[in-house]
Amino acid sequence: MKNQKTMKTQNTTNFATLHFAIDDLELINQALCRLLIFTKNEDKKSEISRMIWQISQAINPELYEGADSNLMNS
């Protein structure tokens, strides 16, 4: 029973709503891009790429209108 509960919590994604200035998002995005360059762990690269995608979309939503949402989830 304990393993089932652990499996459930591992599959649950938590969300938070934050408010950032566009300048702050651009700074965070730059830092993530640099981190992506120097990261050797492929799993972490995937997570960082996903975060870059989400922040880029928040900075310039008009560029991503109609974009494939699968890219965001990959």
Protein backbone atom coordinates (compact mmCIF):
# COMPACT_ATOMS: atom_id res chain seq x y z
CA MET A 1 0.00 0.00 0.00
CA LYS A 2 2.86 2.36 0.83
CA ASN A 3 4.41 1.86 -2.63
CA GLN A 4 1.11 2.76 -4.32
CA LYS A 5 0.94 6.01 -2.37
CA THR A 6 4.55 6.83 -3.31
CA MET A 7 3.82 6.14 -6.98
CA LYS A 8 0.80 8.47 -6.84
CA THR A 9 2.78 11.36 -5.39
CA GLN A 10 5.55 10.92 -7.95
CA ASN A 11 3.07 11.36 -10.80
CA THR A 12 1.41 14.46 -9.33
CA THR A 13 2.60 17.80 -10.68
CA ASN A 14 2.22 20.82 -8.45
CA PHE A 15 1.75 24.28 -9.89
CA ALA A 16 2.27 27.75 -8.48
CA THR A 17 1.32 31.14 -9.87
CA LEU A 18 4.04 33.76 -9.71
CA HIS A 19 4.27 37.27 -11.11
CA PHE A 20 7.58 38.35 -12.65
CA ALA A 21 8.54 41.41 -14.65
CA ILE A 22 9.53 40.61 -18.24
CA ASP A 23 13.06 41.85 -17.46
CA ASP A 24 13.30 39.30 -14.65
CA LEU A 25 12.06 36.52 -16.91
CA GLU A 26 14.64 37.42 -19.54
CA LEU A 27 17.38 37.26 -16.91
CA ILE A 28 16.14 33.88 -15.68
CA ASN A 29 15.94 32.64 -19.27
CA GLN A 30 19.54 33.72 -19.97
CA ALA A 31 20.72 31.93 -16.84
CA LEU A 32 18.88 28.76 -17.83
CA CYS A 33 20.36 28.88 -21.33
CA ARG A 34 23.86 29.07 -19.86
CA LEU A 35 23.07 26.28 -17.43
CA LEU A 36 21.85 24.15 -20.33
CA ILE A 37 25.17 24.60 -22.13
CA PHE A 38 27.21 23.39 -19.16
CA THR A 39 24.91 20.62 -17.91
CA LYS A 40 26.07 17.12 -18.70
CA ASN A 41 23.08 15.22 -17.27
CA GLU A 42 20.66 14.51 -20.14
CA ASP A 43 17.63 14.30 -17.83
CA LYS A 44 18.43 17.73 -16.42
CA LYS A 45 18.94 19.11 -19.94
CA SER A 46 15.42 18.02 -20.80
CA GLU A 47 14.01 19.71 -17.68
CA ILE A 48 15.97 22.90 -18.33
CA SER A 49 14.84 22.97 -21.97
CA ARG A 50 11.22 22.65 -20.84
CA MET A 51 11.66 25.56 -18.43
CA ILE A 52 13.32 27.67 -21.15
CA TRP A 53 10.35 26.93 -23.43
CA GLN A 54 7.84 27.98 -20.77
CA ILE A 55 9.68 31.18 -19.87
CA SER A 56 10.20 32.07 -23.54
CA GLN A 57 6.49 31.57 -24.12
CA ALA A 58 5.68 33.88 -21.19
CA ILE A 59 8.07 36.57 -22.51
CA ASN A 60 6.80 36.44 -26.13
CA PRO A 61 3.43 34.67 -26.22
CA GLU A 62 2.68 35.94 -29.74
CA LEU A 63 5.64 33.95 -31.09
CA TYR A 64 4.23 30.71 -29.71
CA GLU A 65 0.57 31.04 -30.70
CA GLY A 66 -0.44 27.82 -32.40
CA ALA A 67 2.89 26.17 -31.59
CA ASP A 68 2.84 22.46 -30.94
CA SER A 69 2.06 22.02 -27.24
CA ASN A 70 3.93 18.69 -27.33
CA LEU A 71 7.18 20.66 -27.41
CA MET A 72 6.32 22.17 -24.05
CA ASN A 73 5.69 18.75 -22.53
CA SER A 74 8.73 17.00 -23.98
